[in-house]
Amino acid sequence: MKRFWQKESLGWTGVIVTMLLLDRVFEIVSRAMSKVRGQNKGGTKPQQPVGFLGEVMLKNGRELGEDSTFGTAMVEMGESLRQLSEVKDAFDLNVRQNFLDPLDHLKNKDLK
């Protein structure tokens, strides 16, 4: 029995599409749960966990000071994580604009 993620069953394109759709579903559910809990009322996108970790590491690394080797390492790692979060956000936006939205448009408009 083949699993849905195996190459032979869906193909790599199917796996990627499935992962992207699951990511989008997770984002929608997270946004809905935030509204229920009363968080994130501004309608802004929640920060990536990697970005949040980067911000915390930057803040605490700066508190330790430049004299501390550990503090310097935390600042450098925090900056790297923040940059990684920005790249992931840009990638997510690019995939949404150039793949998911046109695919949704094709499904809803052109195939009817």
Protein backbone atom coordinates (compact mmCIF):
# COMPACT_ATOMS: atom_id res chain seq x y z
CA MET A 1 0.00 0.00 0.00
CA LYS A 2 1.43 3.34 -1.04
CA ARG A 3 1.34 6.35 1.22
CA PHE A 4 0.15 9.70 -0.11
CA TRP A 5 3.60 11.24 0.24
CA GLN A 6 5.42 8.55 -1.71
CA LYS A 7 6.78 9.61 -5.06
CA GLU A 8 4.95 6.89 -6.99
CA SER A 9 1.48 7.76 -5.71
CA LEU A 10 1.24 11.53 -6.24
CA GLY A 11 4.49 12.54 -7.80
CA TRP A 12 6.71 15.22 -6.35
CA THR A 13 4.45 17.96 -7.63
CA GLY A 14 1.52 16.47 -5.75
CA VAL A 15 3.54 16.24 -2.58
CA ILE A 16 4.61 19.88 -2.85
CA VAL A 17 1.05 21.03 -3.58
CA THR A 18 -0.22 19.00 -0.63
CA MET A 19 2.38 20.51 1.69
CA LEU A 20 1.59 24.04 0.51
CA LEU A 21 -2.13 23.51 0.93
CA LEU A 22 -1.64 22.07 4.42
CA ASP A 23 0.49 25.11 5.28
CA ARG A 24 -2.29 27.39 4.08
CA VAL A 25 -4.90 25.45 6.06
CA PHE A 26 -2.71 25.71 9.16
CA GLU A 27 -2.44 29.47 8.63
CA ILE A 28 -6.22 29.83 8.30
CA VAL A 29 -6.87 27.72 11.40
CA SER A 30 -4.24 29.64 13.38
CA ARG A 31 -5.80 32.94 12.37
CA ALA A 32 -9.26 31.70 13.37
CA MET A 33 -8.00 30.44 16.72
CA SER A 34 -6.28 33.77 17.36
CA LYS A 35 -9.54 35.59 16.72
CA VAL A 36 -11.39 33.26 19.08
CA ARG A 37 -8.80 33.85 21.79
CA GLY A 38 -8.87 37.59 21.18
CA GLN A 39 -5.29 37.75 19.97
CA ASN A 40 -3.99 39.29 16.77
CA LYS A 41 -6.91 41.69 16.37
CA GLY A 42 -5.00 43.88 13.95
CA GLY A 43 -5.36 41.35 11.16
CA THR A 44 -1.62 41.16 10.70
CA LYS A 45 0.04 37.90 9.86
CA PRO A 46 1.45 36.13 12.91
CA GLN A 47 5.23 36.02 13.07
CA GLN A 48 7.02 32.85 12.06
CA PRO A 49 8.30 30.81 15.02
CA VAL A 50 11.81 31.14 13.61
CA GLY A 51 11.44 34.92 13.52
CA PHE A 52 10.13 35.00 17.07
CA LEU A 53 13.07 32.91 18.28
CA GLY A 54 15.43 35.24 16.42
CA GLU A 55 13.93 38.31 18.07
CA VAL A 56 14.21 36.73 21.53
CA MET A 57 17.83 35.74 20.89
CA LEU A 58 18.66 39.24 19.66
CA LYS A 59 17.08 40.87 22.70
CA ASN A 60 18.72 38.58 25.24
CA GLY A 61 22.06 38.60 23.45
CA ARG A 62 22.11 42.40 23.56
CA GLU A 63 21.27 42.31 27.27
CA LEU A 64 24.31 40.11 27.89
CA GLY A 65 26.47 42.67 26.12
CA GLU A 66 29.24 42.64 23.56
CA ASP A 67 31.80 41.60 26.16
CA SER A 68 30.13 38.21 26.49
CA THR A 69 31.04 35.61 23.89
CA PHE A 70 27.69 33.93 24.47
CA GLY A 71 25.87 37.23 24.04
CA THR A 72 27.67 37.90 20.76
CA ALA A 73 26.84 34.40 19.53
CA MET A 74 23.19 34.88 20.49
CA VAL A 75 23.02 38.18 18.60
CA GLU A 76 24.57 36.63 15.49
CA MET A 77 22.27 33.60 15.64
CA GLY A 78 19.25 35.80 16.30
CA GLU A 79 20.07 37.94 13.27
CA SER A 80 20.45 34.81 11.14
CA LEU A 81 17.10 33.46 12.32
CA ARG A 82 15.43 36.81 11.66
CA GLN A 83 16.81 36.83 8.11
CA LEU A 84 15.69 33.22 7.63
CA SER A 85 12.20 34.20 8.73
CA GLU A 86 12.13 37.07 6.22
CA VAL A 87 13.22 34.73 3.42
CA LYS A 88 10.55 32.20 4.39
CA ASP A 89 7.89 34.92 4.45
CA ALA A 90 9.00 36.11 1.01
CA PHE A 91 8.94 32.54 -0.30
CA ASP A 92 5.47 31.94 1.14
CA LEU A 93 4.18 35.14 -0.46
CA ASN A 94 5.79 34.29 -3.78
CA VAL A 95 4.31 30.78 -3.81
CA ARG A 96 0.90 32.13 -2.87
CA GLN A 97 0.91 34.86 -5.53
CA ASN A 98 2.49 32.86 -8.34
CA PHE A 99 1.12 29.38 -7.72
CA LEU A 100 -1.69 28.96 -5.20
CA ASP A 101 -3.80 31.98 -6.19
CA PRO A 102 -3.61 31.22 -9.95
CA LEU A 103 -4.38 27.57 -9.20
CA ASP A 104 -7.38 28.63 -7.13
CA HIS A 105 -8.50 31.00 -9.89
CA LEU A 106 -8.17 28.20 -12.44
CA LYS A 107 -10.20 25.87 -10.24
CA ASN A 108 -12.96 28.37 -9.44
CA LYS A 109 -13.27 30.33 -12.68
CA ASP A 110 -11.76 28.57 -15.66
CA LEU A 111 -12.80 24.99 -14.92
CA LYS A 112 -16.47 25.77 -14.27
